Amino acid sequence: MAIHYGCRHCQKTLGTVSNQVTHEELGLHNLTSEERDELLTYMENGSIHVKVVCEDCYAALENNPQLYGVSHIIQ
């Protein structure tokens, strides 16, 4: 089972964890069910895609708070 991390705003691939790790080791068990629905996508092959925010998008949001209402802040 691989866990793929990607930016929820610019769709940039940030990394993959391919070792056998648990949800607890990654902290995913701390997410609420709503957060899991929004941030995690379970694929048919058993892998998980996790939506996070990359450093570039984080900096853009910090400098421009009005961007929080936009789904894709970097075009």
PDB file of N, CA and C in Angstrom:
ATOM      1  N   MET A   1       0.852  -1.177   0.000  1.00  0.00           N
ATOM      2  CA  MET A   1       0.000   0.000   0.000  1.00  0.00           C
ATOM      3  C   MET A   1       0.893   1.235   0.000  1.00  0.00           C
ATOM      4  N   ALA A   2       0.730   2.082  -0.986  1.00  0.00           N
ATOM      5  CA  ALA A   2       1.468   3.335  -1.075  1.00  0.00           C
ATOM      6  C   ALA A   2       0.564   4.484  -0.654  1.00  0.00           C
ATOM      7  N   ILE A   3       1.169   5.474  -0.058  1.00  0.00           N
ATOM      8  CA  ILE A   3       0.438   6.679   0.332  1.00  0.00           C
ATOM      9  C   ILE A   3       1.077   7.843  -0.419  1.00  0.00           C
ATOM     10  N   HIS A   4       0.292   8.492  -1.256  1.00  0.00           N
ATOM     11  CA  HIS A   4       0.772   9.571  -2.119  1.00  0.00           C
ATOM     12  C   HIS A   4       0.283  10.906  -1.554  1.00  0.00           C
ATOM     13  N   TYR A   5       1.199  11.861  -1.441  1.00  0.00           N
ATOM     14  CA  TYR A   5       0.865  13.198  -0.965  1.00  0.00           C
ATOM     15  C   TYR A   5       0.926  14.169  -2.129  1.00  0.00           C
ATOM     16  N   GLY A   6      -0.110  14.999  -2.261  1.00  0.00           N
ATOM     17  CA  GLY A   6      -0.157  16.003  -3.309  1.00  0.00           C
ATOM     18  C   GLY A   6      -0.830  17.265  -2.810  1.00  0.00           C
ATOM     19  N   CYS A   7      -0.473  18.391  -3.420  1.00  0.00           N
ATOM     20  CA  CYS A   7      -1.042  19.679  -3.016  1.00  0.00           C
ATOM     21  C   CYS A   7      -2.484  19.777  -3.493  1.00  0.00           C
ATOM     22  N   ARG A   8      -3.344  20.168  -2.594  1.00  0.00           N
ATOM     23  CA  ARG A   8      -4.764  20.294  -2.920  1.00  0.00           C
ATOM     24  C   ARG A   8      -5.049  21.508  -3.799  1.00  0.00           C
ATOM     25  N   HIS A   9      -4.111  22.434  -3.908  1.00  0.00           N
ATOM     26  CA  HIS A   9      -4.341  23.648  -4.687  1.00  0.00           C
ATOM     27  C   HIS A   9      -3.698  23.588  -6.071  1.00  0.00           C
ATOM     28  N   CYS A  10      -2.406  23.269  -6.138  1.00  0.00           N
ATOM     29  CA  CYS A  10      -1.701  23.291  -7.426  1.00  0.00           C
ATOM     30  C   CYS A  10      -1.522  21.901  -8.028  1.00  0.00           C
ATOM     31  N   GLN A  11      -1.952  20.860  -7.316  1.00  0.00           N
ATOM     32  CA  GLN A  11      -1.887  19.475  -7.783  1.00  0.00           C
ATOM     33  C   GLN A  11      -0.464  18.930  -7.892  1.00  0.00           C
ATOM     34  N   LYS A  12       0.515  19.635  -7.338  1.00  0.00           N
ATOM     35  CA  LYS A  12       1.906  19.184  -7.365  1.00  0.00           C
ATOM     36  C   LYS A  12       2.055  17.919  -6.521  1.00  0.00           C
ATOM     37  N   THR A  13       2.769  16.916  -7.040  1.00  0.00           N
ATOM     38  CA  THR A  13       3.060  15.709  -6.278  1.00  0.00           C
ATOM     39  C   THR A  13       4.176  16.024  -5.296  1.00  0.00           C
ATOM     40  N   LEU A  14       3.949  15.727  -4.025  1.00  0.00           N
ATOM     41  CA  LEU A  14       4.921  16.084  -2.993  1.00  0.00           C
ATOM     42  C   LEU A  14       5.729  14.896  -2.495  1.00  0.00           C
ATOM     43  N   GLY A  15       5.214  13.712  -2.609  1.00  0.00           N
ATOM     44  CA  GLY A  15       5.973  12.547  -2.180  1.00  0.00           C
ATOM     45  C   GLY A  15       5.100  11.325  -2.014  1.00  0.00           C
ATOM     46  N   THR A  16       5.772  10.194  -1.838  1.00  0.00           N
ATOM     47  CA  THR A  16       5.090   8.919  -1.668  1.00  0.00           C
ATOM     48  C   THR A  16       5.763   8.141  -0.559  1.00  0.00           C
ATOM     49  N   VAL A  17       4.960   7.547   0.284  1.00  0.00           N
ATOM     50  CA  VAL A  17       5.437   6.637   1.317  1.00  0.00           C
ATOM     51  C   VAL A  17       5.019   5.251   0.866  1.00  0.00           C
ATOM     52  N   SER A  18       6.010   4.391   0.589  1.00  0.00           N
ATOM     53  CA  SER A  18       5.662   3.073   0.080  1.00  0.00           C
ATOM     54  C   SER A  18       5.948   1.957   1.076  1.00  0.00           C
ATOM     55  N   ASN A  19       6.547   2.291   2.190  1.00  0.00           N
ATOM     56  CA  ASN A  19       6.778   1.278   3.223  1.00  0.00           C
ATOM     57  C   ASN A  19       5.472   0.962   3.930  1.00  0.00           C
ATOM     58  N   GLN A  20       5.432  -0.173   4.574  1.00  0.00           N
ATOM     59  CA  GLN A  20       4.246  -0.551   5.346  1.00  0.00           C
ATOM     60  C   GLN A  20       4.171   0.324   6.597  1.00  0.00           C
ATOM     61  N   VAL A  21       3.288   1.280   6.575  1.00  0.00           N
ATOM     62  CA  VAL A  21       3.072   2.162   7.718  1.00  0.00           C
ATOM     63  C   VAL A  21       1.589   2.146   8.058  1.00  0.00           C
ATOM     64  N   THR A  22       1.281   2.491   9.285  1.00  0.00           N
ATOM     65  CA  THR A  22      -0.110   2.510   9.717  1.00  0.00           C
ATOM     66  C   THR A  22      -0.644   3.937   9.703  1.00  0.00           C
ATOM     67  N   HIS A  23      -1.973   4.040   9.740  1.00  0.00           N
ATOM     68  CA  HIS A  23      -2.613   5.352   9.847  1.00  0.00           C
ATOM     69  C   HIS A  23      -2.131   6.069  11.101  1.00  0.00           C
ATOM     70  N   GLU A  24      -1.903   5.332  12.166  1.00  0.00           N
ATOM     71  CA  GLU A  24      -1.465   5.927  13.427  1.00  0.00           C
ATOM     72  C   GLU A  24      -0.065   6.522  13.298  1.00  0.00           C
ATOM     73  N   GLU A  25       0.829   5.818  12.599  1.00  0.00           N
ATOM     74  CA  GLU A  25       2.188   6.325  12.417  1.00  0.00           C
ATOM     75  C   GLU A  25       2.209   7.619  11.615  1.00  0.00           C
ATOM     76  N   LEU A  26       1.268   7.767  10.708  1.00  0.00           N
ATOM     77  CA  LEU A  26       1.179   8.976   9.887  1.00  0.00           C
ATOM     78  C   LEU A  26       0.286  10.045  10.496  1.00  0.00           C
ATOM     79  N   GLY A  27      -0.423   9.711  11.563  1.00  0.00           N
ATOM     80  CA  GLY A  27      -1.311  10.668  12.206  1.00  0.00           C
ATOM     81  C   GLY A  27      -2.669  10.786  11.551  1.00  0.00           C
ATOM     82  N   LEU A  28      -2.971   9.924  10.588  1.00  0.00           N
ATOM     83  CA  LEU A  28      -4.248  10.017   9.885  1.00  0.00           C
ATOM     84  C   LEU A  28      -5.421   9.649  10.780  1.00  0.00           C
ATOM     85  N   HIS A  29      -5.155   8.917  11.837  1.00  0.00           N
ATOM     86  CA  HIS A  29      -6.232   8.531  12.764  1.00  0.00           C
ATOM     87  C   HIS A  29      -6.765   9.730  13.548  1.00  0.00           C
ATOM     88  N   ASN A  30      -6.011  10.832  13.557  1.00  0.00           N
ATOM     89  CA  ASN A  30      -6.428  12.041  14.269  1.00  0.00           C
ATOM     90  C   ASN A  30      -7.426  12.878  13.477  1.00  0.00           C
ATOM     91  N   LEU A  31      -7.624  12.551  12.200  1.00  0.00           N
ATOM     92  CA  LEU A  31      -8.566  13.306  11.370  1.00  0.00           C
ATOM     93  C   LEU A  31      -9.999  12.935  11.735  1.00  0.00           C
ATOM     94  N   THR A  32     -10.868  13.919  11.663  1.00  0.00           N
ATOM     95  CA  THR A  32     -12.289  13.638  11.848  1.00  0.00           C
ATOM     96  C   THR A  32     -12.803  12.939  10.585  1.00  0.00           C
ATOM     97  N   SER A  33     -13.983  12.389  10.645  1.00  0.00           N
ATOM     98  CA  SER A  33     -14.543  11.718   9.469  1.00  0.00           C
ATOM     99  C   SER A  33     -14.753  12.713   8.326  1.00  0.00           C
ATOM    100  N   GLU A  34     -15.104  13.946   8.643  1.00  0.00           N
ATOM    101  CA  GLU A  34     -15.269  14.972   7.611  1.00  0.00           C
ATOM    102  C   GLU A  34     -13.930  15.297   6.955  1.00  0.00           C
ATOM    103  N   GLU A  35     -12.871  15.408   7.775  1.00  0.00           N
ATOM    104  CA  GLU A  35     -11.537  15.678   7.237  1.00  0.00           C
ATOM    105  C   GLU A  35     -11.067  14.516   6.369  1.00  0.00           C
ATOM    106  N   ARG A  36     -11.341  13.298   6.808  1.00  0.00           N
ATOM    107  CA  ARG A  36     -10.971  12.121   6.006  1.00  0.00           C
ATOM    108  C   ARG A  36     -11.666  12.160   4.652  1.00  0.00           C
ATOM    109  N   ASP A  37     -12.959  12.480   4.651  1.00  0.00           N
ATOM    110  CA  ASP A  37     -13.710  12.552   3.392  1.00  0.00           C
ATOM    111  C   ASP A  37     -13.136  13.604   2.454  1.00  0.00           C
ATOM    112  N   GLU A  38     -12.695  14.723   3.017  1.00  0.00           N
ATOM    113  CA  GLU A  38     -12.185  15.833   2.217  1.00  0.00           C
ATOM    114  C   GLU A  38     -10.746  15.618   1.762  1.00  0.00           C
ATOM    115  N   LEU A  39      -9.909  15.017   2.611  1.00  0.00           N
ATOM    116  CA  LEU A  39      -8.475  14.976   2.355  1.00  0.00           C
ATOM    117  C   LEU A  39      -7.934  13.644   1.849  1.00  0.00           C
ATOM    118  N   LEU A  40      -8.645  12.569   2.064  1.00  0.00           N
ATOM    119  CA  LEU A  40      -8.140  11.243   1.691  1.00  0.00           C
ATOM    120  C   LEU A  40      -8.961  10.643   0.559  1.00  0.00           C
ATOM    121  N   THR A  41      -8.271  10.056  -0.401  1.00  0.00           N
ATOM    122  CA  THR A  41      -8.915   9.320  -1.479  1.00  0.00           C
ATOM    123  C   THR A  41      -8.331   7.923  -1.483  1.00  0.00           C
ATOM    124  N   TYR A  42      -9.184   6.921  -1.306  1.00  0.00           N
ATOM    125  CA  TYR A  42      -8.762   5.526  -1.290  1.00  0.00           C
ATOM    126  C   TYR A  42      -8.920   4.959  -2.698  1.00  0.00           C
ATOM    127  N   MET A  43      -7.828   4.459  -3.256  1.00  0.00           N
ATOM    128  CA  MET A  43      -7.831   3.932  -4.619  1.00  0.00           C
ATOM    129  C   MET A  43      -8.134   2.426  -4.604  1.00  0.00           C
ATOM    130  N   GLU A  44      -8.598   1.910  -5.724  1.00  0.00           N
ATOM    131  CA  GLU A  44      -8.946   0.493  -5.834  1.00  0.00           C
ATOM    132  C   GLU A  44      -7.754  -0.429  -5.590  1.00  0.00           C
ATOM    133  N   ASN A  45      -6.543   0.032  -5.918  1.00  0.00           N
ATOM    134  CA  ASN A  45      -5.352  -0.800  -5.741  1.00  0.00           C
ATOM    135  C   ASN A  45      -4.829  -0.787  -4.298  1.00  0.00           C
ATOM    136  N   GLY A  46      -5.532  -0.098  -3.408  1.00  0.00           N
ATOM    137  CA  GLY A  46      -5.151  -0.062  -2.006  1.00  0.00           C
ATOM    138  C   GLY A  46      -4.335   1.147  -1.599  1.00  0.00           C
ATOM    139  N   SER A  47      -3.907   1.945  -2.563  1.00  0.00           N
ATOM    140  CA  SER A  47      -3.140   3.137  -2.218  1.00  0.00           C
ATOM    141  C   SER A  47      -4.070   4.251  -1.739  1.00  0.00           C
ATOM    142  N   ILE A  48      -3.478   5.218  -1.079  1.00  0.00           N
ATOM    143  CA  ILE A  48      -4.228   6.354  -0.539  1.00  0.00           C
ATOM    144  C   ILE A  48      -3.600   7.635  -1.080  1.00  0.00           C
ATOM    145  N   HIS A  49      -4.425   8.562  -1.516  1.00  0.00           N
ATOM    146  CA  HIS A  49      -3.963   9.880  -1.930  1.00  0.00           C
ATOM    147  C   HIS A  49      -4.376  10.872  -0.845  1.00  0.00           C
ATOM    148  N   VAL A  50      -3.394  11.621  -0.332  1.00  0.00           N
ATOM    149  CA  VAL A  50      -3.631  12.581   0.739  1.00  0.00           C
ATOM    150  C   VAL A  50      -3.446  13.982   0.179  1.00  0.00           C
ATOM    151  N   LYS A  51      -4.463  14.821   0.357  1.00  0.00           N
ATOM    152  CA  LYS A  51      -4.385  16.212  -0.087  1.00  0.00           C
ATOM    153  C   LYS A  51      -3.810  17.058   1.037  1.00  0.00           C
ATOM    154  N   VAL A  52      -2.706  17.742   0.738  1.00  0.00           N
ATOM    155  CA  VAL A  52      -2.056  18.638   1.689  1.00  0.00           C
ATOM    156  C   VAL A  52      -1.815  19.969   0.980  1.00  0.00           C
ATOM    157  N   VAL A  53      -1.114  20.892   1.628  1.00  0.00           N
ATOM    158  CA  VAL A  53      -0.791  22.183   1.018  1.00  0.00           C
ATOM    159  C   VAL A  53       0.728  22.289   0.916  1.00  0.00           C
ATOM    160  N   CYS A  54       1.245  22.511  -0.295  1.00  0.00           N
ATOM    161  CA  CYS A  54       2.690  22.639  -0.496  1.00  0.00           C
ATOM    162  C   CYS A  54       3.181  23.989   0.037  1.00  0.00           C
ATOM    163  N   GLU A  55       4.489  24.129   0.134  1.00  0.00           N
ATOM    164  CA  GLU A  55       5.084  25.353   0.685  1.00  0.00           C
ATOM    165  C   GLU A  55       4.735  26.585  -0.143  1.00  0.00           C
ATOM    166  N   ASP A  56       4.731  26.446  -1.471  1.00  0.00           N
ATOM    167  CA  ASP A  56       4.432  27.599  -2.331  1.00  0.00           C
ATOM    168  C   ASP A  56       2.997  28.084  -2.132  1.00  0.00           C
ATOM    169  N   CYS A  57       2.065  27.155  -2.093  1.00  0.00           N
ATOM    170  CA  CYS A  57       0.665  27.534  -1.900  1.00  0.00           C
ATOM    171  C   CYS A  57       0.440  28.061  -0.487  1.00  0.00           C
ATOM    172  N   TYR A  58       1.118  27.482   0.481  1.00  0.00           N
ATOM    173  CA  TYR A  58       1.007  27.966   1.855  1.00  0.00           C
ATOM    174  C   TYR A  58       1.461  29.425   1.934  1.00  0.00           C
ATOM    175  N   ALA A  59       2.601  29.730   1.298  1.00  0.00           N
ATOM    176  CA  ALA A  59       3.115  31.104   1.302  1.00  0.00           C
ATOM    177  C   ALA A  59       2.143  32.041   0.599  1.00  0.00           C
ATOM    178  N   ALA A  60       1.558  31.593  -0.517  1.00  0.00           N
ATOM    179  CA  ALA A  60       0.593  32.423  -1.239  1.00  0.00           C
ATOM    180  C   ALA A  60      -0.627  32.707  -0.376  1.00  0.00           C
ATOM    181  N   LEU A  61      -1.092  31.693   0.362  1.00  0.00           N
ATOM    182  CA  LEU A  61      -2.251  31.884   1.237  1.00  0.00           C
ATOM    183  C   LEU A  61      -1.926  32.804   2.412  1.00  0.00           C
ATOM    184  N   GLU A  62      -0.736  32.683   2.956  1.00  0.00           N
ATOM    185  CA  GLU A  62      -0.331  33.553   4.068  1.00  0.00           C
ATOM    186  C   GLU A  62      -0.266  35.014   3.636  1.00  0.00           C
ATOM    187  N   ASN A  63       0.227  35.251   2.428  1.00  0.00           N
ATOM    188  CA  ASN A  63       0.381  36.613   1.923  1.00  0.00           C
ATOM    189  C   ASN A  63      -0.895  37.175   1.319  1.00  0.00           C
ATOM    190  N   ASN A  64      -1.834  36.300   0.979  1.00  0.00           N
ATOM    191  CA  ASN A  64      -3.081  36.717   0.328  1.00  0.00           C
ATOM    192  C   ASN A  64      -4.253  35.934   0.894  1.00  0.00           C
ATOM    193  N   PRO A  65      -4.710  36.265   2.094  1.00  0.00           N
ATOM    194  CA  PRO A  65      -5.780  35.494   2.741  1.00  0.00           C
ATOM    195  C   PRO A  65      -7.065  35.406   1.931  1.00  0.00           C
ATOM    196  N   GLN A  66      -7.304  36.324   1.017  1.00  0.00           N
ATOM    197  CA  GLN A  66      -8.506  36.278   0.197  1.00  0.00           C
ATOM    198  C   GLN A  66      -8.507  35.058  -0.721  1.00  0.00           C
ATOM    199  N   LEU A  67      -7.375  34.413  -0.902  1.00  0.00           N
ATOM    200  CA  LEU A  67      -7.284  33.216  -1.749  1.00  0.00           C
ATOM    201  C   LEU A  67      -7.891  31.972  -1.110  1.00  0.00           C
ATOM    202  N   TYR A  68      -8.209  32.016   0.188  1.00  0.00           N
ATOM    203  CA  TYR A  68      -8.780  30.849   0.852  1.00  0.00           C
ATOM    204  C   TYR A  68     -10.098  30.425   0.226  1.00  0.00           C
ATOM    205  N   GLY A  69     -10.786  31.304  -0.452  1.00  0.00           N
ATOM    206  CA  GLY A  69     -12.061  30.952  -1.071  1.00  0.00           C
ATOM    207  C   GLY A  69     -11.915  30.408  -2.488  1.00  0.00           C
ATOM    208  N   VAL A  70     -10.686  30.313  -2.985  1.00  0.00           N
ATOM    209  CA  VAL A  70     -10.422  29.851  -4.351  1.00  0.00           C
ATOM    210  C   VAL A  70      -9.894  28.427  -4.291  1.00  0.00           C
ATOM    211  N   SER A  71     -10.436  27.518  -5.119  1.00  0.00           N
ATOM    212  CA  SER A  71     -10.013  26.115  -5.046  1.00  0.00           C
ATOM    213  C   SER A  71      -8.624  25.887  -5.634  1.00  0.00           C
ATOM    214  N   HIS A  72      -8.274  26.545  -6.724  1.00  0.00           N
ATOM    215  CA  HIS A  72      -6.949  26.399  -7.338  1.00  0.00           C
ATOM    216  C   HIS A  72      -6.273  27.765  -7.337  1.00  0.00           C
ATOM    217  N   ILE A  73      -5.447  28.023  -6.340  1.00  0.00           N
ATOM    218  CA  ILE A  73      -4.888  29.363  -6.188  1.00  0.00           C
ATOM    219  C   ILE A  73      -3.733  29.631  -7.145  1.00  0.00           C
ATOM    220  N   ILE A  74      -3.072  28.590  -7.627  1.00  0.00           N
ATOM    221  CA  ILE A  74      -1.993  28.771  -8.585  1.00  0.00           C
ATOM    222  C   ILE A  74      -2.441  28.140  -9.891  1.00  0.00           C
ATOM    223  N   GLN A  75      -2.503  28.944 -10.916  1.00  0.00           N
ATOM    224  CA  GLN A  75      -3.016  28.478 -12.213  1.00  0.00           C
ATOM    225  C   GLN A  75      -1.905  27.922 -13.071  1.00  0.00           C
TER     226      GLN A  75
END
